[in-house]
Amino acid sequence: MPGLPNGPSTYTARDFFLKHADRILFGTDLVPTIEMYRLHFRFLETADEYSSIPPSIAARSLEHLRPAPPDDVLRKIYRENALRLFALRR
């Protein structure tokens, strides 16, 4: 995320996600595989600070979200914001 310093910034990133939860959509430019989704969901949904992070930029950037945002924020990022933005039915 732009503007975040290199190094430990977990609470800064988490605060950003909490503050702007209504304006963030989940997306990726990686090939959609089960393993790709497992990787993203693990880093978005857990507070596991000691997991091994694969050597990809996406995985390293997701590390900054720990501790994990609460479920209501994740629901917005994963689904509700896209439904609202694209005027889709729930």
N, C-alpha and C. Protein backbone atom coordinates (compact mmCIF):
# COMPACT_ATOMS: atom_id res chain seq x y z
N MET A 1 0.84 -1.17 0.00
CA MET A 1 0.00 0.00 0.00
C MET A 1 0.89 1.23 0.00
N PRO A 2 0.56 2.20 -0.84
CA PRO A 2 1.38 3.40 -0.90
C PRO A 2 1.37 4.14 0.44
N GLY A 3 2.47 4.74 0.76
CA GLY A 3 2.56 5.56 1.95
C GLY A 3 2.93 4.82 3.21
N LEU A 4 2.98 3.49 3.15
CA LEU A 4 3.37 2.73 4.33
C LEU A 4 4.88 2.57 4.35
N PRO A 5 5.48 2.76 5.49
CA PRO A 5 6.93 2.60 5.56
C PRO A 5 7.34 1.14 5.43
N ASN A 6 8.57 0.91 4.99
CA ASN A 6 9.09 -0.44 4.99
C ASN A 6 9.33 -0.87 6.42
N GLY A 7 9.14 -2.15 6.71
CA GLY A 7 9.37 -2.64 8.06
C GLY A 7 8.07 -2.83 8.79
N PRO A 8 8.14 -2.94 10.12
CA PRO A 8 6.94 -3.23 10.90
C PRO A 8 5.92 -2.10 10.83
N SER A 9 4.82 -2.35 10.20
CA SER A 9 3.76 -1.35 10.10
C SER A 9 2.39 -2.00 10.23
N THR A 10 2.34 -3.07 10.99
CA THR A 10 1.11 -3.85 11.05
C THR A 10 -0.08 -3.05 11.53
N TYR A 11 0.08 -2.25 12.54
CA TYR A 11 -1.06 -1.49 13.05
C TYR A 11 -1.43 -0.35 12.12
N THR A 12 -0.46 0.23 11.43
CA THR A 12 -0.75 1.29 10.46
C THR A 12 -1.61 0.74 9.34
N ALA A 13 -1.25 -0.41 8.79
CA ALA A 13 -2.03 -1.03 7.72
C ALA A 13 -3.40 -1.45 8.22
N ARG A 14 -3.45 -2.05 9.38
CA ARG A 14 -4.73 -2.48 9.93
C ARG A 14 -5.65 -1.28 10.17
N ASP A 15 -5.11 -0.19 10.71
CA ASP A 15 -5.90 1.03 10.92
C ASP A 15 -6.44 1.58 9.60
N PHE A 16 -5.61 1.51 8.54
CA PHE A 16 -6.03 1.95 7.21
C PHE A 16 -7.22 1.12 6.74
N PHE A 17 -7.14 -0.20 6.90
CA PHE A 17 -8.23 -1.06 6.48
C PHE A 17 -9.49 -0.80 7.30
N LEU A 18 -9.35 -0.56 8.60
CA LEU A 18 -10.51 -0.27 9.44
C LEU A 18 -11.14 1.06 9.06
N LYS A 19 -10.32 2.07 8.81
CA LYS A 19 -10.82 3.41 8.49
C LYS A 19 -11.50 3.45 7.12
N HIS A 20 -10.97 2.71 6.17
CA HIS A 20 -11.47 2.78 4.79
C HIS A 20 -12.16 1.49 4.34
N ALA A 21 -12.73 0.75 5.25
CA ALA A 21 -13.32 -0.55 4.95
C ALA A 21 -14.39 -0.47 3.86
N ASP A 22 -15.09 0.65 3.76
CA ASP A 22 -16.14 0.80 2.76
C ASP A 22 -15.60 1.15 1.37
N ARG A 23 -14.27 1.32 1.26
CA ARG A 23 -13.69 1.76 -0.01
C ARG A 23 -12.64 0.80 -0.57
N ILE A 24 -12.52 -0.39 0.01
CA ILE A 24 -11.50 -1.34 -0.41
C ILE A 24 -12.19 -2.58 -0.99
N LEU A 25 -11.66 -3.07 -2.12
CA LEU A 25 -12.14 -4.31 -2.73
C LEU A 25 -11.01 -5.32 -2.75
N PHE A 26 -11.34 -6.57 -2.54
CA PHE A 26 -10.36 -7.63 -2.69
C PHE A 26 -10.14 -7.88 -4.16
N GLY A 27 -8.90 -8.00 -4.56
CA GLY A 27 -8.57 -8.34 -5.93
C GLY A 27 -7.14 -8.82 -6.01
N THR A 28 -6.82 -9.49 -7.07
CA THR A 28 -5.46 -9.98 -7.27
C THR A 28 -5.19 -10.10 -8.76
N ASP A 29 -3.93 -10.03 -9.12
CA ASP A 29 -3.56 -10.26 -10.52
C ASP A 29 -2.86 -11.61 -10.67
N LEU A 30 -2.92 -12.41 -9.62
CA LEU A 30 -2.34 -13.75 -9.68
C LEU A 30 -3.32 -14.71 -10.35
N VAL A 31 -2.79 -15.80 -10.87
CA VAL A 31 -3.64 -16.83 -11.46
C VAL A 31 -4.53 -17.40 -10.35
N PRO A 32 -5.85 -17.43 -10.58
CA PRO A 32 -6.76 -17.90 -9.53
C PRO A 32 -6.68 -19.42 -9.34
N THR A 33 -5.96 -19.80 -8.32
CA THR A 33 -5.86 -21.21 -7.94
C THR A 33 -6.28 -21.34 -6.49
N ILE A 34 -6.55 -22.54 -6.07
CA ILE A 34 -6.91 -22.79 -4.67
C ILE A 34 -5.79 -22.28 -3.76
N GLU A 35 -4.56 -22.58 -4.11
CA GLU A 35 -3.42 -22.18 -3.27
C GLU A 35 -3.28 -20.66 -3.18
N MET A 36 -3.55 -19.95 -4.28
CA MET A 36 -3.50 -18.49 -4.26
C MET A 36 -4.53 -17.94 -3.27
N TYR A 37 -5.75 -18.47 -3.32
CA TYR A 37 -6.78 -18.00 -2.39
C TYR A 37 -6.43 -18.37 -0.96
N ARG A 38 -5.91 -19.56 -0.73
CA ARG A 38 -5.49 -19.94 0.62
C ARG A 38 -4.46 -18.98 1.17
N LEU A 39 -3.49 -18.63 0.33
CA LEU A 39 -2.45 -17.70 0.75
C LEU A 39 -3.04 -16.35 1.14
N HIS A 40 -3.87 -15.77 0.27
CA HIS A 40 -4.47 -14.47 0.57
C HIS A 40 -5.35 -14.53 1.81
N PHE A 41 -6.22 -15.53 1.88
CA PHE A 41 -7.13 -15.62 3.02
C PHE A 41 -6.36 -15.83 4.32
N ARG A 42 -5.31 -16.63 4.28
CA ARG A 42 -4.52 -16.85 5.50
C ARG A 42 -3.94 -15.54 6.03
N PHE A 43 -3.40 -14.74 5.14
CA PHE A 43 -2.78 -13.51 5.60
C PHE A 43 -3.79 -12.42 5.92
N LEU A 44 -4.95 -12.45 5.28
CA LEU A 44 -5.97 -11.47 5.60
C LEU A 44 -6.77 -11.84 6.84
N GLU A 45 -6.91 -13.12 7.10
CA GLU A 45 -7.84 -13.55 8.14
C GLU A 45 -7.21 -14.12 9.39
N THR A 46 -5.91 -14.18 9.48
CA THR A 46 -5.30 -14.70 10.69
C THR A 46 -4.31 -13.71 11.26
N ALA A 47 -3.97 -13.91 12.49
CA ALA A 47 -2.96 -13.08 13.14
C ALA A 47 -1.68 -13.89 13.32
N ASP A 48 -1.47 -14.85 12.45
CA ASP A 48 -0.32 -15.74 12.51
C ASP A 48 0.95 -14.98 12.11
N GLU A 49 1.68 -14.49 13.07
CA GLU A 49 2.88 -13.71 12.81
C GLU A 49 4.08 -14.57 12.44
N TYR A 50 4.00 -15.85 12.69
CA TYR A 50 5.17 -16.70 12.53
C TYR A 50 5.08 -17.64 11.34
N SER A 51 4.09 -17.44 10.49
CA SER A 51 3.99 -18.30 9.32
C SER A 51 5.07 -17.92 8.31
N SER A 52 5.47 -18.89 7.52
CA SER A 52 6.46 -18.59 6.50
C SER A 52 5.77 -17.89 5.34
N ILE A 53 6.38 -16.84 4.85
CA ILE A 53 5.81 -16.04 3.78
C ILE A 53 6.52 -16.38 2.49
N PRO A 54 5.80 -16.84 1.47
CA PRO A 54 6.43 -17.13 0.20
C PRO A 54 7.10 -15.89 -0.36
N PRO A 55 8.12 -16.06 -1.17
CA PRO A 55 8.89 -14.91 -1.66
C PRO A 55 8.20 -14.16 -2.79
N SER A 56 6.96 -13.75 -2.57
CA SER A 56 6.27 -12.95 -3.58
C SER A 56 5.92 -11.60 -2.97
N ILE A 57 5.86 -10.61 -3.80
CA ILE A 57 5.54 -9.26 -3.33
C ILE A 57 4.16 -9.24 -2.70
N ALA A 58 3.19 -9.93 -3.32
CA ALA A 58 1.83 -9.94 -2.78
C ALA A 58 1.80 -10.49 -1.37
N ALA A 59 2.47 -11.59 -1.15
CA ALA A 59 2.47 -12.20 0.18
C ALA A 59 3.17 -11.32 1.20
N ARG A 60 4.29 -10.70 0.81
CA ARG A 60 5.00 -9.83 1.76
C ARG A 60 4.16 -8.62 2.11
N SER A 61 3.42 -8.05 1.16
CA SER A 61 2.61 -6.88 1.47
C SER A 61 1.44 -7.24 2.37
N LEU A 62 0.88 -8.44 2.22
CA LEU A 62 -0.23 -8.85 3.07
C LEU A 62 0.19 -9.03 4.52
N GLU A 63 1.47 -9.27 4.75
CA GLU A 63 1.97 -9.44 6.11
C GLU A 63 1.69 -8.20 6.96
N HIS A 64 1.59 -7.03 6.32
CA HIS A 64 1.40 -5.79 7.05
C HIS A 64 0.00 -5.65 7.65
N LEU A 65 -0.92 -6.55 7.34
CA LEU A 65 -2.29 -6.43 7.85
C LEU A 65 -2.49 -7.07 9.20
N ARG A 66 -1.48 -7.69 9.74
CA ARG A 66 -1.64 -8.38 11.02
C ARG A 66 -1.62 -7.38 12.15
N PRO A 67 -2.40 -7.51 13.17
CA PRO A 67 -3.41 -8.55 13.35
C PRO A 67 -4.56 -8.40 12.37
N ALA A 68 -5.23 -9.48 12.08
CA ALA A 68 -6.26 -9.53 11.04
C ALA A 68 -7.39 -8.55 11.32
N PRO A 69 -7.93 -7.93 10.27
CA PRO A 69 -9.11 -7.08 10.45
C PRO A 69 -10.29 -7.92 10.93
N PRO A 70 -11.26 -7.31 11.60
CA PRO A 70 -12.42 -8.06 12.09
C PRO A 70 -13.28 -8.58 10.92
N ASP A 71 -14.12 -9.54 11.23
CA ASP A 71 -14.94 -10.20 10.20
C ASP A 71 -15.82 -9.22 9.41
N ASP A 72 -16.40 -8.22 10.06
CA ASP A 72 -17.27 -7.29 9.33
C ASP A 72 -16.48 -6.50 8.28
N VAL A 73 -15.23 -6.17 8.57
CA VAL A 73 -14.38 -5.47 7.61
C VAL A 73 -14.02 -6.42 6.46
N LEU A 74 -13.67 -7.65 6.78
CA LEU A 74 -13.34 -8.62 5.74
C LEU A 74 -14.54 -8.87 4.82
N ARG A 75 -15.74 -8.95 5.39
CA ARG A 75 -16.94 -9.16 4.59
C ARG A 75 -17.12 -8.03 3.57
N LYS A 76 -16.86 -6.80 4.00
CA LYS A 76 -16.96 -5.67 3.07
C LYS A 76 -15.92 -5.77 1.97
N ILE A 77 -14.69 -6.07 2.33
CA ILE A 77 -13.59 -6.13 1.37
C ILE A 77 -13.79 -7.27 0.37
N TYR A 78 -14.22 -8.41 0.85
CA TYR A 78 -14.40 -9.59 0.00
C TYR A 78 -15.63 -9.50 -0.89
N ARG A 79 -16.73 -8.93 -0.37
CA ARG A 79 -18.00 -9.08 -1.07
C ARG A 79 -18.88 -7.84 -1.12
N GLU A 80 -19.19 -7.27 0.04
CA GLU A 80 -20.22 -6.24 0.10
C GLU A 80 -19.88 -4.98 -0.69
N ASN A 81 -18.64 -4.55 -0.67
CA ASN A 81 -18.26 -3.35 -1.42
C ASN A 81 -18.43 -3.57 -2.92
N ALA A 82 -18.08 -4.75 -3.42
CA ALA A 82 -18.24 -5.05 -4.85
C ALA A 82 -19.73 -5.10 -5.21
N LEU A 83 -20.54 -5.71 -4.36
CA LEU A 83 -21.98 -5.75 -4.63
C LEU A 83 -22.53 -4.34 -4.74
N ARG A 84 -22.13 -3.48 -3.83
CA ARG A 84 -22.61 -2.08 -3.84
C ARG A 84 -22.08 -1.33 -5.05
N LEU A 85 -20.79 -1.45 -5.35
CA LEU A 85 -20.16 -0.73 -6.45
C LEU A 85 -20.77 -1.11 -7.80
N PHE A 86 -20.99 -2.39 -7.99
CA PHE A 86 -21.52 -2.86 -9.26
C PHE A 86 -23.03 -3.04 -9.26
N ALA A 87 -23.68 -2.55 -8.22
CA ALA A 87 -25.13 -2.62 -8.07
C ALA A 87 -25.68 -4.02 -8.31
N LEU A 88 -25.04 -4.98 -7.68
CA LEU A 88 -25.46 -6.38 -7.79
C LEU A 88 -26.39 -6.73 -6.64
N ARG A 89 -27.26 -7.68 -6.87
CA ARG A 89 -28.15 -8.14 -5.79
C ARG A 89 -27.41 -9.02 -4.83
N ARG A 90 -27.82 -9.01 -3.58
CA ARG A 90 -27.22 -9.85 -2.55
C ARG A 90 -27.83 -11.21 -2.53
